Amino acid sequence: MQQSLVVGADVGGTNTKMALARFEGAIPVMAALHVYKSGEHASLESVIETFLRRPDVAPHAEAVAGACFAVAGPVVHGRGRLTNLPWQPDETELAQQFKFPRVRIINDFAAAGRGIEHLGRGDLETLQAGAPGLGAARVVLGAGTGLGVAMLDWDGDGYEVHPSEAGHTDFAPVDGVQVELLAYLRGEFRRVSHERVICGAGLKRVFDFVEHSGAAVPSAALEAAMVAGDAPGVISEFALSGRDEAAARALEIFVTAYGSFAGNMALTMLAHGGVYLAGGIAPKIISKLKEGAFMRAFTDKGRFSTVLESMPVHVVMNDHVGLYGALAEAAHPGRVD
């Protein structure tokens, strides 16, 4: 039996993905999917209105049974507050404005956690097979425009997802270079969180630190490419191709910090059900993540290293995981705090 149409969105500081879909199995069947530049709209309401007016969506708008909007920021009592945009969408207001029978606003990494069970074969790359525990706790985290984290625990019928803002915990250096990085960043920020380092803009900050420290001099080609394009993407590209020593050093520091943070989150939750790296950056640097620095930092937890070595660690290669989670929560609400 076919289920009702639902609207879901993965609302980020850079892009907003919005879809109309129905579930006819584990993976949502998309009737329409469109991506919008978040910064080109004054509000989430503007994006929704634009989406609902599309010719492939408008004829179905009155048949929508529910909607869920996953936002990159905290959600309190049905109102979201995006960390990197001045948007504050509210469940009740959206339901009234667009006449949706029900609306949920959830954290974007809570949506990614909800979406894990809806991934298909080939959507994961494994960094460590570990020894997965049936019904054991999970952690979903990832770097993109920001740094998101969600915790999952089993309630007997399925996973319940608990959002967090763990990406904004204090950055904890794990070696001498990172101690120097922290001192450097304190020249810009009164308080340095993990997100100041482990995100797209954070990679650029790490690169600037490498250049400032004199550890390596960027090539003219790299500097020209950064002026012409997206700096974090260019740094990653030059590092992965071996074309620039400064970029390579920056990416090594970044990956080590990322691995250490992921290990901290896994240890916090005792995530024997798996650690899942989502977000926009991990799939793009998968070859670097597989080299070993990430997993060395992940498991480097002293007396608890063997505990970390037993946990499965996967990279989510499907960038729709958050959208899948939003659609799932729109269709069957109640699995996300």
Protein backbone atom coordinates (compact mmCIF):
# COMPACT_ATOMS: atom_id res chain seq x y z
CA MET A 1 0.00 0.00 0.00
CA GLN A 2 1.43 3.36 -1.03
CA GLN A 3 1.98 5.91 1.71
CA SER A 4 1.15 9.60 1.64
CA LEU A 5 3.36 12.22 0.11
CA VAL A 6 5.61 14.13 2.51
CA VAL A 7 7.93 17.12 2.24
CA GLY A 8 11.40 16.98 3.73
CA ALA A 9 14.32 19.37 3.73
CA ASP A 10 17.95 19.40 4.79
CA VAL A 11 18.53 23.06 5.62
CA GLY A 12 22.17 24.08 5.80
CA GLY A 13 24.09 27.31 5.96
CA THR A 14 25.16 26.87 2.33
CA ASN A 15 22.45 24.81 0.62
CA THR A 16 18.88 23.75 1.30
CA LYS A 17 17.78 20.45 -0.25
CA MET A 18 14.03 20.02 -0.43
CA ALA A 19 12.10 17.00 -1.63
CA LEU A 20 8.60 15.67 -2.15
CA ALA A 21 8.53 11.91 -1.66
CA ARG A 22 6.69 8.82 -0.49
CA PHE A 23 7.98 5.70 1.22
CA GLU A 24 7.29 2.43 -0.56
CA GLY A 25 10.04 0.62 1.33
CA ALA A 26 13.11 1.62 3.29
CA ILE A 27 14.37 4.19 0.77
CA PRO A 28 12.16 7.20 -0.10
CA VAL A 29 10.91 7.48 -3.67
CA MET A 30 11.43 11.08 -4.77
CA ALA A 31 8.68 12.79 -6.73
CA ALA A 32 10.70 16.04 -6.79
CA LEU A 33 14.07 17.13 -5.46
CA HIS A 34 15.59 20.59 -5.74
CA VAL A 35 18.57 22.34 -4.17
CA TYR A 36 18.57 26.03 -3.28
CA LYS A 37 21.35 28.40 -2.23
CA SER A 38 20.35 29.27 1.32
CA GLY A 39 22.00 32.68 1.26
CA GLU A 40 19.83 33.75 -1.70
CA HIS A 41 16.68 33.57 0.44
CA ALA A 42 15.59 35.73 3.36
CA SER A 43 14.00 32.83 5.25
CA LEU A 44 13.15 29.14 5.14
CA GLU A 45 9.58 30.18 4.36
CA SER A 46 10.85 31.77 1.13
CA VAL A 47 12.53 28.50 0.08
CA ILE A 48 9.41 26.45 0.88
CA GLU A 49 7.22 28.84 -1.10
CA THR A 50 9.56 28.65 -4.09
CA PHE A 51 9.57 24.85 -3.90
CA LEU A 52 5.80 24.51 -3.62
CA ARG A 53 5.30 26.74 -6.67
CA ARG A 54 7.35 24.49 -8.94
CA PRO A 55 5.33 22.81 -11.70
CA ASP A 56 6.42 19.33 -10.57
CA VAL A 57 5.36 20.07 -6.98
CA ALA A 58 2.37 22.45 -7.09
CA PRO A 59 -0.20 19.83 -8.31
CA HIS A 60 0.62 17.68 -5.25
CA ALA A 61 0.83 20.39 -2.57
CA GLU A 62 -2.64 19.72 -1.14
CA ALA A 63 -1.87 15.99 -0.83
CA VAL A 64 1.11 16.51 1.51
CA ALA A 65 0.45 14.60 4.76
CA GLY A 66 3.39 15.95 6.72
CA ALA A 67 6.63 17.89 6.55
CA CYS A 68 9.95 17.89 8.36
CA PHE A 69 12.70 20.48 8.11
CA ALA A 70 16.15 19.53 9.39
CA VAL A 71 18.07 22.69 10.29
CA ALA A 72 21.76 23.25 10.96
CA GLY A 73 21.43 24.51 14.51
CA PRO A 74 19.63 23.94 17.81
CA VAL A 75 15.88 23.34 18.03
CA VAL A 76 13.95 24.28 21.18
CA HIS A 77 10.19 23.72 21.58
CA GLY A 78 9.62 23.45 17.85
CA ARG A 79 11.61 26.51 16.87
CA GLY A 80 14.92 26.19 15.06
CA ARG A 81 17.80 28.64 15.07
CA LEU A 82 20.34 28.21 12.32
CA THR A 83 23.91 28.73 13.50
CA ASN A 84 25.16 30.31 10.27
CA LEU A 85 21.99 32.05 9.03
CA PRO A 86 19.52 34.44 10.72
CA TRP A 87 16.61 32.01 10.20
CA GLN A 88 14.34 30.92 13.06
CA PRO A 89 11.61 28.69 11.58
CA ASP A 90 8.76 27.58 13.85
CA GLU A 91 6.70 24.39 13.50
CA THR A 92 3.33 25.98 14.29
CA GLU A 93 3.90 28.98 12.04
CA LEU A 94 4.97 26.80 9.08
CA ALA A 95 1.98 24.49 9.52
CA GLN A 96 -0.39 27.47 9.51
CA GLN A 97 1.25 29.28 6.59
CA PHE A 98 1.52 26.28 4.26
CA LYS A 99 -1.47 24.27 5.57
CA PHE A 100 0.62 21.16 6.28
CA PRO A 101 -1.28 18.75 8.55
CA ARG A 102 1.83 18.28 10.68
CA VAL A 103 5.29 19.84 10.75
CA ARG A 104 8.47 18.86 12.57
CA ILE A 105 11.65 20.90 12.84
CA ILE A 106 14.67 18.87 13.90
CA ASN A 107 18.43 19.29 14.04
CA ASP A 108 20.22 18.43 10.80
CA PHE A 109 22.47 15.79 12.36
CA ALA A 110 19.51 14.27 14.14
CA ALA A 111 18.08 13.91 10.64
CA ALA A 112 21.31 12.28 9.47
CA GLY A 113 21.01 9.85 12.39
CA ARG A 114 17.40 9.13 11.42
CA GLY A 115 18.48 8.63 7.82
CA ILE A 116 21.15 5.97 8.47
CA GLU A 117 18.63 3.11 8.40
CA HIS A 118 17.34 4.32 5.01
CA LEU A 119 20.66 4.11 3.18
CA GLY A 120 21.12 1.60 0.40
CA ARG A 121 23.95 -0.77 -0.40
CA GLY A 122 27.10 1.03 -1.43
CA ASP A 123 26.27 4.16 0.58
CA LEU A 124 28.95 3.46 3.20
CA GLU A 125 32.75 3.21 3.08
CA THR A 126 34.21 1.39 6.07
CA LEU A 127 37.31 2.72 7.83
CA GLN A 128 37.19 0.11 10.61
CA ALA A 129 34.99 -2.97 10.62
CA GLY A 130 35.12 -3.41 14.38
CA ALA A 131 32.72 -5.75 16.14
CA PRO A 132 29.23 -4.23 15.79
CA GLY A 133 26.86 -4.83 18.69
CA LEU A 134 23.22 -5.60 17.96
CA GLY A 135 21.10 -2.71 19.21
CA ALA A 136 24.19 -0.92 20.54
CA ALA A 137 24.47 2.86 20.63
CA ARG A 138 25.53 4.82 17.55
CA VAL A 139 27.05 8.23 16.85
CA VAL A 140 26.62 10.26 13.68
CA LEU A 141 28.92 13.23 13.21
CA GLY A 142 30.43 15.21 10.42
CA ALA A 143 32.11 18.33 9.15
CA GLY A 144 30.66 20.57 6.48
CA THR A 145 29.75 24.22 6.83
CA GLY A 146 29.75 23.42 10.57
CA LEU A 147 30.37 20.36 12.74
CA GLY A 148 27.31 18.30 13.68
CA VAL A 149 26.78 15.42 16.10
CA ALA A 150 23.82 13.22 17.00
CA MET A 151 23.57 10.27 19.41
CA LEU A 152 21.39 7.21 18.84
CA ASP A 153 20.20 4.57 21.28
CA TRP A 154 18.00 1.49 20.85
CA ASP A 155 14.61 1.44 22.56
CA GLY A 156 13.59 -2.09 21.63
CA ASP A 157 11.71 -1.18 18.43
CA GLY A 158 14.26 1.03 16.70
CA TYR A 159 16.78 3.79 17.20
CA GLU A 160 15.83 6.99 18.97
CA VAL A 161 17.87 9.99 17.86
CA HIS A 162 19.13 12.65 20.26
CA PRO A 163 20.50 15.89 18.79
CA SER A 164 23.48 17.64 20.33
CA GLU A 165 25.70 20.66 19.89
CA ALA A 166 28.87 18.72 20.73
CA GLY A 167 30.66 20.38 17.82
CA HIS A 168 30.77 23.53 19.94
CA THR A 169 32.69 21.91 22.80
CA ASP A 170 36.16 23.29 23.53
CA PHE A 171 38.85 22.30 21.06
CA ALA A 172 41.29 19.94 22.78
CA PRO A 173 44.74 19.74 21.15
CA VAL A 174 46.35 16.30 21.16
CA ASP A 175 49.93 17.14 20.16
CA GLY A 176 52.42 19.99 20.07
CA VAL A 177 51.33 21.25 16.66
CA GLN A 178 47.71 21.45 17.76
CA VAL A 179 48.76 23.29 20.93
CA GLU A 180 50.36 25.90 18.67
CA LEU A 181 47.24 25.90 16.47
CA LEU A 182 45.06 26.61 19.51
CA ALA A 183 47.31 29.51 20.54
CA TYR A 184 47.14 30.88 16.99
CA LEU A 185 43.33 30.67 16.86
CA ARG A 186 43.01 32.40 20.21
CA GLY A 187 44.34 35.45 18.44
CA GLU A 188 41.06 35.47 16.47
CA PHE A 189 38.57 33.90 18.87
CA ARG A 190 38.10 34.37 22.61
CA ARG A 191 37.01 30.73 22.81
CA VAL A 192 38.01 28.05 20.29
CA SER A 193 35.49 25.27 19.76
CA HIS A 194 36.01 22.09 17.75
CA GLU A 195 33.87 23.62 14.99
CA ARG A 196 36.40 26.45 14.56
CA VAL A 197 38.85 23.77 13.39
CA ILE A 198 36.80 20.85 12.02
CA CYS A 199 34.66 22.33 9.23
CA GLY A 200 35.23 23.90 5.82
CA ALA A 201 36.23 27.30 7.20
CA GLY A 202 38.27 25.46 9.83
CA LEU A 203 40.42 23.80 7.18
CA LYS A 204 41.22 27.25 5.80
CA ARG A 205 42.15 28.41 9.33
CA VAL A 206 44.46 25.42 9.73
CA PHE A 207 46.05 26.24 6.37
CA ASP A 208 46.57 29.86 7.45
CA PHE A 209 48.22 28.57 10.63
CA VAL A 210 50.60 26.37 8.61
CA GLU A 211 51.57 29.35 6.48
CA HIS A 212 51.91 31.65 9.52
CA SER A 213 54.09 29.13 11.37
CA GLY A 214 56.50 28.87 8.45
CA ALA A 215 56.14 25.09 8.34
CA ALA A 216 55.54 25.28 4.58
CA VAL A 217 55.17 27.96 1.92
CA PRO A 218 52.07 27.74 -0.32
CA SER A 219 52.71 27.52 -4.03
CA ALA A 220 51.73 30.34 -6.36
CA ALA A 221 49.38 27.94 -8.14
CA LEU A 222 47.54 27.16 -4.92
CA GLU A 223 47.20 30.82 -3.96
CA ALA A 224 45.83 31.68 -7.39
CA ALA A 225 43.36 28.80 -7.24
CA MET A 226 42.12 29.89 -3.80
CA VAL A 227 41.43 33.40 -5.08
CA ALA A 228 39.47 31.98 -8.01
CA GLY A 229 37.50 29.31 -6.12
CA ASP A 230 36.36 27.75 -2.86
CA ALA A 231 39.41 27.85 -0.56
CA PRO A 232 38.74 24.71 1.53
CA GLY A 233 37.97 22.71 -1.61
CA VAL A 234 41.12 23.96 -3.32
CA ILE A 235 43.26 23.14 -0.26
CA SER A 236 41.85 19.60 -0.20
CA GLU A 237 42.36 19.15 -3.93
CA PHE A 238 46.00 20.29 -3.86
CA ALA A 239 46.69 18.21 -0.75
CA LEU A 240 45.17 15.02 -2.14
CA SER A 241 47.01 15.39 -5.44
CA GLY A 242 50.34 16.06 -3.70
CA ARG A 243 50.75 19.40 -5.47
CA ASP A 244 51.32 21.57 -2.41
CA GLU A 245 53.16 20.86 0.84
CA ALA A 246 51.36 23.55 2.85
CA ALA A 247 47.97 22.13 1.79
CA ALA A 248 49.12 18.60 2.61
CA ARG A 249 50.28 19.64 6.09
CA ALA A 250 47.00 21.46 6.73
CA LEU A 251 44.90 18.48 5.68
CA GLU A 252 46.99 16.15 7.88
CA ILE A 253 46.39 18.38 10.93
CA PHE A 254 42.69 18.68 10.05
CA VAL A 255 42.20 14.92 9.66
CA THR A 256 44.03 14.20 12.92
CA ALA A 257 41.85 16.67 14.81
CA TYR A 258 38.75 15.19 13.14
CA GLY A 259 39.73 11.65 14.12
CA SER A 260 40.43 12.61 17.72
CA PHE A 261 37.08 14.38 18.03
CA ALA A 262 35.26 11.41 16.50
CA GLY A 263 36.97 9.12 19.02
CA ASN A 264 35.86 11.39 21.86
CA MET A 265 32.25 11.21 20.67
CA ALA A 266 32.44 7.43 20.26
CA LEU A 267 33.84 7.05 23.76
CA THR A 268 31.20 9.37 25.20
CA MET A 269 28.38 7.25 23.77
CA LEU A 270 30.17 3.85 23.81
CA ALA A 271 29.12 3.60 20.17
CA HIS A 272 29.51 -0.13 19.61
CA GLY A 273 26.66 0.13 17.11
CA GLY A 274 28.83 2.24 14.83
CA VAL A 275 30.34 5.65 14.24
CA TYR A 276 29.05 7.26 11.05
CA LEU A 277 30.85 10.19 9.42
CA ALA A 278 28.37 12.27 7.46
CA GLY A 279 28.63 15.89 6.32
CA GLY A 280 29.99 17.28 3.09
CA ILE A 281 33.73 16.96 3.71
CA ALA A 282 34.34 13.28 4.57
CA PRO A 283 33.28 11.81 1.20
CA LYS A 284 35.48 14.33 -0.63
CA ILE A 285 38.60 13.35 1.34
CA ILE A 286 37.84 9.64 1.65
CA SER A 287 41.25 8.68 0.23
CA LYS A 288 42.95 10.72 2.97
CA LEU A 289 40.71 9.26 5.67
CA LYS A 290 41.75 5.79 4.53
CA GLU A 291 45.48 6.56 4.81
CA GLY A 292 45.48 6.01 8.56
CA ALA A 293 45.92 9.35 10.36
CA PHE A 294 42.20 9.60 11.09
CA MET A 295 41.93 6.14 12.64
CA ARG A 296 45.20 6.52 14.58
CA ALA A 297 43.81 9.65 16.21
CA PHE A 298 40.41 7.98 16.69
CA THR A 299 41.84 5.05 18.64
CA ASP A 300 44.59 6.97 20.48
CA LYS A 301 42.75 7.05 23.81
CA GLY A 302 45.27 5.53 26.20
CA ARG A 303 43.76 2.82 28.38
CA PHE A 304 40.60 2.86 26.26
CA SER A 305 42.29 2.38 22.87
CA THR A 306 41.15 -1.25 22.67
CA VAL A 307 37.55 -0.12 23.24
CA LEU A 308 37.79 2.26 20.29
CA GLU A 309 39.41 -0.42 18.13
CA SER A 310 36.27 -2.57 18.52
CA MET A 311 33.87 0.08 17.19
CA PRO A 312 32.75 0.09 13.53
CA VAL A 313 33.58 3.35 11.73
CA HIS A 314 31.92 4.22 8.42
CA VAL A 315 31.88 7.18 6.04
CA VAL A 316 28.43 8.02 4.64
CA MET A 317 28.96 8.55 0.92
CA ASN A 318 25.31 9.42 0.15
CA ASP A 319 24.87 13.16 0.65
CA HIS A 320 21.10 12.75 0.92
CA VAL A 321 21.25 11.00 4.32
CA GLY A 322 19.94 14.06 6.17
CA LEU A 323 17.19 14.52 3.61
CA TYR A 324 16.23 10.85 3.96
CA GLY A 325 16.01 11.33 7.70
CA ALA A 326 13.81 14.41 7.37
CA LEU A 327 11.49 12.58 4.99
CA ALA A 328 11.35 9.58 7.33
CA GLU A 329 10.48 11.80 10.30
CA ALA A 330 7.83 13.57 8.20
CA ALA A 331 6.25 10.22 7.33
CA HIS A 332 6.63 8.58 10.75
CA PRO A 333 7.26 11.25 13.40
CA GLY A 334 8.49 10.49 16.88
CA ARG A 335 11.96 8.99 16.52
CA VAL A 336 13.83 12.29 17.04
CA ASP A 337 13.87 14.20 20.33
